[in-house]
């Protein structure tokens, strides 16, 4: 698989992820729910979170900074690693999975690095309350951001409550395209790891032919 093909896959995921995030952030209030095609099981539920994938949190601002820097280091390493596995001709399936994980990490890293600087509103940390607080109204692009570099919050919106009862919801997490890309890459690797990392069978040695005939100096062996 060529590096150009991997780069195209990553670019398509990043463009789709960022386009959906920017559209919902600049068009809807936080907490707003939209039913896609009128379906109850497929919704866009706009929220923001300061932490990990699938809306998880990682402590306060210090934890968020550590998480963002870890993501940055992972993306830098991933850039080098993708180049290596393409050059070493790893299996196509493994390269695609690595590309999916890389694209997802990069997609959420963009939020954390830049969203606090380019939007006027967003989920942000309040030192007085020692907690993250939301906002009202629709966000817009602005040179006066709601936070600083590396302190932006991640935008989530995909929600699939397939089964809903009075006491139970399946599937309850709210996530984004980047989260989905990471999950698909990891799950596929786990399922097909034996196929992706299958060692080539050693080539059979040329069979030898035993003969009881004597070979003299005068005989020519072809």
C-alpha atoms as a PDB file:
ATOM      1  CA  UNK A   1       0.000   0.000   0.000  1.00  0.00           C
ATOM      2  CA  UNK A   2       1.384   3.405  -0.971  1.00  0.00           C
ATOM      3  CA  UNK A   3       1.931   6.217   1.520  1.00  0.00           C
ATOM      4  CA  UNK A   4      -0.130   8.490  -0.722  1.00  0.00           C
ATOM      5  CA  UNK A   5      -3.161   6.234  -0.252  1.00  0.00           C
ATOM      6  CA  UNK A   6      -2.753   6.301   3.541  1.00  0.00           C
ATOM      7  CA  UNK A   7      -2.431  10.090   3.504  1.00  0.00           C
ATOM      8  CA  UNK A   8      -5.630  10.347   1.444  1.00  0.00           C
ATOM      9  CA  UNK A   9      -7.534   8.130   3.899  1.00  0.00           C
ATOM     10  CA  UNK A  10      -6.332  10.230   6.841  1.00  0.00           C
ATOM     11  CA  UNK A  11      -7.184  13.484   5.061  1.00  0.00           C
ATOM     12  CA  UNK A  12     -10.739  12.323   4.284  1.00  0.00           C
ATOM     13  CA  UNK A  13     -11.363  11.365   7.922  1.00  0.00           C
ATOM     14  CA  UNK A  14      -9.933  14.653   9.229  1.00  0.00           C
ATOM     15  CA  UNK A  15     -11.990  16.719   6.773  1.00  0.00           C
ATOM     16  CA  UNK A  16     -15.226  14.865   7.628  1.00  0.00           C
ATOM     17  CA  UNK A  17     -14.527  15.045  11.360  1.00  0.00           C
ATOM     18  CA  UNK A  18     -13.671  18.745  11.420  1.00  0.00           C
ATOM     19  CA  UNK A  19     -16.465  19.730   9.024  1.00  0.00           C
ATOM     20  CA  UNK A  20     -19.111  18.089  11.227  1.00  0.00           C
ATOM     21  CA  UNK A  21     -17.619  19.555  14.409  1.00  0.00           C
ATOM     22  CA  UNK A  22     -17.392  23.093  13.055  1.00  0.00           C
ATOM     23  CA  UNK A  23     -20.888  22.928  11.549  1.00  0.00           C
ATOM     24  CA  UNK A  24     -22.599  21.802  14.733  1.00  0.00           C
ATOM     25  CA  UNK A  25     -20.582  24.142  16.980  1.00  0.00           C
ATOM     26  CA  UNK A  26     -21.379  27.211  14.878  1.00  0.00           C
ATOM     27  CA  UNK A  27     -25.027  26.270  14.209  1.00  0.00           C
ATOM     28  CA  UNK A  28     -26.424  24.837  17.433  1.00  0.00           C
ATOM     29  CA  UNK A  29     -26.514  25.377  21.183  1.00  0.00           C
ATOM     30  CA  UNK A  30     -24.746  22.916  23.448  1.00  0.00           C
ATOM     31  CA  UNK A  31     -27.106  20.172  24.519  1.00  0.00           C
ATOM     32  CA  UNK A  32     -29.278  20.524  21.418  1.00  0.00           C
ATOM     33  CA  UNK A  33     -30.513  17.233  19.959  1.00  0.00           C
ATOM     34  CA  UNK A  34     -31.318  16.593  16.294  1.00  0.00           C
ATOM     35  CA  UNK A  35     -32.923  13.388  15.055  1.00  0.00           C
ATOM     36  CA  UNK A  36     -31.276  12.259  11.822  1.00  0.00           C
ATOM     37  CA  UNK A  37     -33.934  11.322   9.239  1.00  0.00           C
ATOM     38  CA  UNK A  38     -36.453  11.448  12.091  1.00  0.00           C
ATOM     39  CA  UNK A  39     -34.996   8.297  13.687  1.00  0.00           C
ATOM     40  CA  UNK A  40     -34.997   7.855  17.467  1.00  0.00           C
ATOM     41  CA  UNK A  41     -31.895   5.668  17.386  1.00  0.00           C
ATOM     42  CA  UNK A  42     -29.667   8.057  15.367  1.00  0.00           C
ATOM     43  CA  UNK A  43     -29.254  11.536  16.800  1.00  0.00           C
ATOM     44  CA  UNK A  44     -26.863  14.446  16.799  1.00  0.00           C
ATOM     45  CA  UNK A  45     -26.516  15.499  20.432  1.00  0.00           C
ATOM     46  CA  UNK A  46     -24.070  18.405  20.638  1.00  0.00           C
ATOM     47  CA  UNK A  47     -21.828  18.378  23.713  1.00  0.00           C
ATOM     48  CA  UNK A  48     -18.227  19.267  24.489  1.00  0.00           C
ATOM     49  CA  UNK A  49     -15.773  17.503  26.746  1.00  0.00           C
ATOM     50  CA  UNK A  50     -12.306  18.416  28.029  1.00  0.00           C
ATOM     51  CA  UNK A  51     -10.875  14.943  28.131  1.00  0.00           C
ATOM     52  CA  UNK A  52     -10.450  11.672  26.373  1.00  0.00           C
ATOM     53  CA  UNK A  53     -12.413   9.892  23.666  1.00  0.00           C
ATOM     54  CA  UNK A  54     -16.077   9.040  24.231  1.00  0.00           C
ATOM     55  CA  UNK A  55     -16.518  11.984  26.614  1.00  0.00           C
ATOM     56  CA  UNK A  56     -14.278  10.698  29.392  1.00  0.00           C
ATOM     57  CA  UNK A  57     -12.487  13.201  31.604  1.00  0.00           C
ATOM     58  CA  UNK A  58      -8.892  13.248  32.778  1.00  0.00           C
ATOM     59  CA  UNK A  59      -8.663  15.370  35.909  1.00  0.00           C
ATOM     60  CA  UNK A  60      -8.421  19.168  35.906  1.00  0.00           C
ATOM     61  CA  UNK A  61      -6.498  21.532  33.630  1.00  0.00           C
ATOM     62  CA  UNK A  62      -3.197  19.854  34.494  1.00  0.00           C
ATOM     63  CA  UNK A  63      -4.624  16.513  33.480  1.00  0.00           C
ATOM     64  CA  UNK A  64      -5.965  18.009  30.264  1.00  0.00           C
ATOM     65  CA  UNK A  65      -2.562  19.500  29.439  1.00  0.00           C
ATOM     66  CA  UNK A  66      -0.881  16.133  30.036  1.00  0.00           C
ATOM     67  CA  UNK A  67      -3.467  14.425  27.849  1.00  0.00           C
ATOM     68  CA  UNK A  68      -3.061  16.950  25.020  1.00  0.00           C
ATOM     69  CA  UNK A  69       0.734  16.682  25.109  1.00  0.00           C
ATOM     70  CA  UNK A  70       0.434  12.889  25.092  1.00  0.00           C
ATOM     71  CA  UNK A  71      -1.798  13.109  22.027  1.00  0.00           C
ATOM     72  CA  UNK A  72       0.724  15.407  20.359  1.00  0.00           C
ATOM     73  CA  UNK A  73       3.583  12.997  21.092  1.00  0.00           C
ATOM     74  CA  UNK A  74       1.478  10.071  19.821  1.00  0.00           C
ATOM     75  CA  UNK A  75       0.713  11.893  16.562  1.00  0.00           C
ATOM     76  CA  UNK A  76       4.394  12.777  16.035  1.00  0.00           C
ATOM     77  CA  UNK A  77       5.393   9.165  16.653  1.00  0.00           C
ATOM     78  CA  UNK A  78       2.517   7.950  14.492  1.00  0.00           C
ATOM     79  CA  UNK A  79       3.706  10.059  11.575  1.00  0.00           C
ATOM     80  CA  UNK A  80       7.101   8.348  11.698  1.00  0.00           C
ATOM     81  CA  UNK A  81       5.615   4.905  12.330  1.00  0.00           C
ATOM     82  CA  UNK A  82       3.194   5.062   9.403  1.00  0.00           C
ATOM     83  CA  UNK A  83       6.075   5.870   7.088  1.00  0.00           C
ATOM     84  CA  UNK A  84       8.018   2.888   8.435  1.00  0.00           C
ATOM     85  CA  UNK A  85       5.273   0.290   8.059  1.00  0.00           C
ATOM     86  CA  UNK A  86       4.461   1.478   4.536  1.00  0.00           C
ATOM     87  CA  UNK A  87       8.116   1.269   3.484  1.00  0.00           C
ATOM     88  CA  UNK A  88       8.493  -2.156   5.095  1.00  0.00           C
ATOM     89  CA  UNK A  89       5.395  -3.333   3.220  1.00  0.00           C
ATOM     90  CA  UNK A  90       3.280  -4.433   6.176  1.00  0.00           C
ATOM     91  CA  UNK A  91      -0.102  -5.958   5.333  1.00  0.00           C
ATOM     92  CA  UNK A  92      -2.647  -3.591   3.802  1.00  0.00           C
ATOM     93  CA  UNK A  93      -5.150  -4.260   6.593  1.00  0.00           C
ATOM     94  CA  UNK A  94      -2.655  -3.358   9.313  1.00  0.00           C
ATOM     95  CA  UNK A  95      -1.649  -0.137   7.555  1.00  0.00           C
ATOM     96  CA  UNK A  96      -5.295   0.903   7.155  1.00  0.00           C
ATOM     97  CA  UNK A  97      -5.991   0.248  10.851  1.00  0.00           C
ATOM     98  CA  UNK A  98      -2.913   2.244  11.856  1.00  0.00           C
ATOM     99  CA  UNK A  99      -4.095   5.066   9.582  1.00  0.00           C
ATOM    100  CA  UNK A 100      -7.562   5.049  11.186  1.00  0.00           C
ATOM    101  CA  UNK A 101      -6.098   5.278  14.696  1.00  0.00           C
ATOM    102  CA  UNK A 102      -3.712   8.038  13.609  1.00  0.00           C
ATOM    103  CA  UNK A 103      -6.488  10.049  11.938  1.00  0.00           C
ATOM    104  CA  UNK A 104      -8.686   9.792  15.028  1.00  0.00           C
ATOM    105  CA  UNK A 105      -5.920  10.936  17.348  1.00  0.00           C
ATOM    106  CA  UNK A 106      -5.100  13.853  15.052  1.00  0.00           C
ATOM    107  CA  UNK A 107      -8.762  14.850  14.736  1.00  0.00           C
ATOM    108  CA  UNK A 108      -9.236  15.234  18.495  1.00  0.00           C
ATOM    109  CA  UNK A 109      -5.807  16.827  18.880  1.00  0.00           C
ATOM    110  CA  UNK A 110      -6.865  19.635  16.531  1.00  0.00           C
ATOM    111  CA  UNK A 111      -9.781  20.425  18.870  1.00  0.00           C
ATOM    112  CA  UNK A 112      -7.575  20.462  21.958  1.00  0.00           C
ATOM    113  CA  UNK A 113      -4.841  22.550  20.374  1.00  0.00           C
ATOM    114  CA  UNK A 114      -6.790  25.190  18.452  1.00  0.00           C
ATOM    115  CA  UNK A 115     -10.505  25.360  19.313  1.00  0.00           C
ATOM    116  CA  UNK A 116      -9.874  27.435  22.443  1.00  0.00           C
ATOM    117  CA  UNK A 117      -8.126  30.031  20.281  1.00  0.00           C
ATOM    118  CA  UNK A 118     -10.472  30.267  17.292  1.00  0.00           C
ATOM    119  CA  UNK A 119     -13.956  30.139  18.867  1.00  0.00           C
ATOM    120  CA  UNK A 120     -15.471  32.746  21.170  1.00  0.00           C
ATOM    121  CA  UNK A 121     -17.354  30.181  23.275  1.00  0.00           C
ATOM    122  CA  UNK A 122     -16.596  26.710  24.535  1.00  0.00           C
ATOM    123  CA  UNK A 123     -16.457  24.435  27.532  1.00  0.00           C
ATOM    124  CA  UNK A 124     -13.720  25.902  29.730  1.00  0.00           C
ATOM    125  CA  UNK A 125     -12.152  25.539  33.146  1.00  0.00           C
ATOM    126  CA  UNK A 126     -13.120  27.928  35.936  1.00  0.00           C
ATOM    127  CA  UNK A 127     -10.437  28.183  38.617  1.00  0.00           C
ATOM    128  CA  UNK A 128     -12.872  29.627  41.152  1.00  0.00           C
ATOM    129  CA  UNK A 129     -15.265  26.698  40.804  1.00  0.00           C
ATOM    130  CA  UNK A 130     -12.440  24.223  40.193  1.00  0.00           C
ATOM    131  CA  UNK A 131     -14.510  22.678  37.453  1.00  0.00           C
ATOM    132  CA  UNK A 132     -15.418  22.957  33.780  1.00  0.00           C
ATOM    133  CA  UNK A 133     -18.399  25.134  32.901  1.00  0.00           C
ATOM    134  CA  UNK A 134     -20.486  25.182  29.750  1.00  0.00           C
ATOM    135  CA  UNK A 135     -21.877  28.187  27.880  1.00  0.00           C
ATOM    136  CA  UNK A 136     -25.092  29.444  26.337  1.00  0.00           C
ATOM    137  CA  UNK A 137     -25.714  30.541  22.780  1.00  0.00           C
ATOM    138  CA  UNK A 138     -24.089  29.520  19.520  1.00  0.00           C
ATOM    139  CA  UNK A 139     -20.316  29.783  19.157  1.00  0.00           C
ATOM    140  CA  UNK A 140     -18.653  31.749  16.361  1.00  0.00           C
ATOM    141  CA  UNK A 141     -15.167  32.122  14.970  1.00  0.00           C
ATOM    142  CA  UNK A 142     -13.241  34.821  16.805  1.00  0.00           C
ATOM    143  CA  UNK A 143      -9.707  36.079  17.279  1.00  0.00           C
ATOM    144  CA  UNK A 144     -10.520  36.334  20.998  1.00  0.00           C
ATOM    145  CA  UNK A 145     -10.850  32.698  21.949  1.00  0.00           C
ATOM    146  CA  UNK A 146     -12.477  31.250  25.034  1.00  0.00           C
ATOM    147  CA  UNK A 147      -9.209  29.619  26.098  1.00  0.00           C
ATOM    148  CA  UNK A 148      -5.574  29.294  25.098  1.00  0.00           C
ATOM    149  CA  UNK A 149      -3.382  27.008  23.025  1.00  0.00           C
ATOM    150  CA  UNK A 150      -3.709  23.333  24.065  1.00  0.00           C
ATOM    151  CA  UNK A 151      -6.764  24.085  26.229  1.00  0.00           C
ATOM    152  CA  UNK A 152      -9.612  23.685  23.738  1.00  0.00           C
ATOM    153  CA  UNK A 153     -12.458  21.258  24.390  1.00  0.00           C
ATOM    154  CA  UNK A 154     -13.357  18.365  22.099  1.00  0.00           C
ATOM    155  CA  UNK A 155     -16.667  18.513  20.214  1.00  0.00           C
ATOM    156  CA  UNK A 156     -18.906  15.412  20.267  1.00  0.00           C
ATOM    157  CA  UNK A 157     -22.265  14.853  18.616  1.00  0.00           C
ATOM    158  CA  UNK A 158     -22.899  11.283  17.379  1.00  0.00           C
ATOM    159  CA  UNK A 159     -25.447   9.503  19.564  1.00  0.00           C
ATOM    160  CA  UNK A 160     -27.019   6.087  18.921  1.00  0.00           C
ATOM    161  CA  UNK A 161     -29.547   5.187  21.668  1.00  0.00           C
ATOM    162  CA  UNK A 162     -30.557   1.965  19.947  1.00  0.00           C
ATOM    163  CA  UNK A 163     -32.453   0.543  22.941  1.00  0.00           C
ATOM    164  CA  UNK A 164     -34.108   2.869  25.458  1.00  0.00           C
ATOM    165  CA  UNK A 165     -36.024   1.737  28.541  1.00  0.00           C
ATOM    166  CA  UNK A 166     -36.886   3.440  31.822  1.00  0.00           C
ATOM    167  CA  UNK A 167     -33.679   2.182  33.448  1.00  0.00           C
ATOM    168  CA  UNK A 168     -31.333   1.407  30.567  1.00  0.00           C
ATOM    169  CA  UNK A 169     -29.950   2.932  27.378  1.00  0.00           C
ATOM    170  CA  UNK A 170     -27.971   1.031  24.797  1.00  0.00           C
ATOM    171  CA  UNK A 171     -25.846   2.628  23.260  1.00  0.00           C
ATOM    172  CA  UNK A 172     -25.322   5.707  25.496  1.00  0.00           C
ATOM    173  CA  UNK A 173     -21.890   7.266  24.674  1.00  0.00           C
ATOM    174  CA  UNK A 174     -21.785  10.488  22.630  1.00  0.00           C
ATOM    175  CA  UNK A 175     -18.761  10.621  20.361  1.00  0.00           C
ATOM    176  CA  UNK A 176     -17.383  12.035  17.112  1.00  0.00           C
ATOM    177  CA  UNK A 177     -15.955  10.737  13.844  1.00  0.00           C
ATOM    178  CA  UNK A 178     -12.411  10.805  15.252  1.00  0.00           C
ATOM    179  CA  UNK A 179     -13.460   8.603  18.187  1.00  0.00           C
ATOM    180  CA  UNK A 180     -15.178   6.204  15.797  1.00  0.00           C
ATOM    181  CA  UNK A 181     -12.072   6.055  13.598  1.00  0.00           C
ATOM    182  CA  UNK A 182      -9.882   5.113  16.581  1.00  0.00           C
ATOM    183  CA  UNK A 183     -12.351   2.483  17.781  1.00  0.00           C
ATOM    184  CA  UNK A 184     -12.765   0.885  14.353  1.00  0.00           C
ATOM    185  CA  UNK A 185      -8.985   0.716  13.910  1.00  0.00           C
ATOM    186  CA  UNK A 186      -8.367  -0.834  17.342  1.00  0.00           C
ATOM    187  CA  UNK A 187     -11.246  -3.337  17.172  1.00  0.00           C
ATOM    188  CA  UNK A 188     -10.291  -4.467  13.666  1.00  0.00           C
ATOM    189  CA  UNK A 189      -6.688  -4.970  14.785  1.00  0.00           C
ATOM    190  CA  UNK A 190      -7.812  -7.115  17.706  1.00  0.00           C
ATOM    191  CA  UNK A 191     -10.124  -9.233  15.552  1.00  0.00           C
ATOM    192  CA  UNK A 192      -7.739  -9.784  12.639  1.00  0.00           C
ATOM    193  CA  UNK A 193      -4.375  -9.607  14.394  1.00  0.00           C
ATOM    194  CA  UNK A 194      -3.447 -13.175  13.456  1.00  0.00           C
ATOM    195  CA  UNK A 195      -4.076 -12.428   9.802  1.00  0.00           C
ATOM    196  CA  UNK A 196      -2.282  -9.055   9.868  1.00  0.00           C
ATOM    197  CA  UNK A 197       0.777 -10.439  11.670  1.00  0.00           C
ATOM    198  CA  UNK A 198       0.850 -13.852  10.032  1.00  0.00           C
ATOM    199  CA  UNK A 199       4.413 -14.982   9.495  1.00  0.00           C
ATOM    200  CA  UNK A 200       5.259 -16.186   5.990  1.00  0.00           C
ATOM    201  CA  UNK A 201       5.740 -19.927   5.747  1.00  0.00           C
ATOM    202  CA  UNK A 202       9.357 -20.936   5.080  1.00  0.00           C
ATOM    203  CA  UNK A 203      10.034 -21.980   1.518  1.00  0.00           C
ATOM    204  CA  UNK A 204      10.481 -25.709   0.990  1.00  0.00           C
ATOM    205  CA  UNK A 205      14.010 -26.802   0.268  1.00  0.00           C
ATOM    206  CA  UNK A 206      14.728 -28.324  -3.117  1.00  0.00           C
ATOM    207  CA  UNK A 207      14.166 -32.080  -2.840  1.00  0.00           C
ATOM    208  CA  UNK A 208      17.239 -34.257  -3.179  1.00  0.00           C
ATOM    209  CA  UNK A 209      17.234 -37.376  -5.312  1.00  0.00           C
ATOM    210  CA  UNK A 210      19.005 -40.390  -3.959  1.00  0.00           C
ATOM    211  CA  UNK A 211      20.615 -42.801  -6.401  1.00  0.00           C
ATOM    212  CA  UNK A 212      22.600 -45.935  -6.041  1.00  0.00           C
ATOM    213  CA  UNK A 213      24.344 -45.454  -9.365  1.00  0.00           C
ATOM    214  CA  UNK A 214      28.050 -44.831  -9.250  1.00  0.00           C
ATOM    215  CA  UNK A 215      29.328 -41.680 -10.879  1.00  0.00           C
ATOM    216  CA  UNK A 216      32.616 -41.956 -12.610  1.00  0.00           C
ATOM    217  CA  UNK A 217      34.962 -39.197 -13.683  1.00  0.00           C
ATOM    218  CA  UNK A 218      33.847 -39.726 -17.229  1.00  0.00           C
ATOM    219  CA  UNK A 219      30.129 -39.161 -16.556  1.00  0.00           C
ATOM    220  CA  UNK A 220      28.665 -35.720 -17.015  1.00  0.00           C
ATOM    221  CA  UNK A 221      25.997 -34.609 -14.601  1.00  0.00           C
ATOM    222  CA  UNK A 222      23.512 -32.131 -16.071  1.00  0.00           C
END
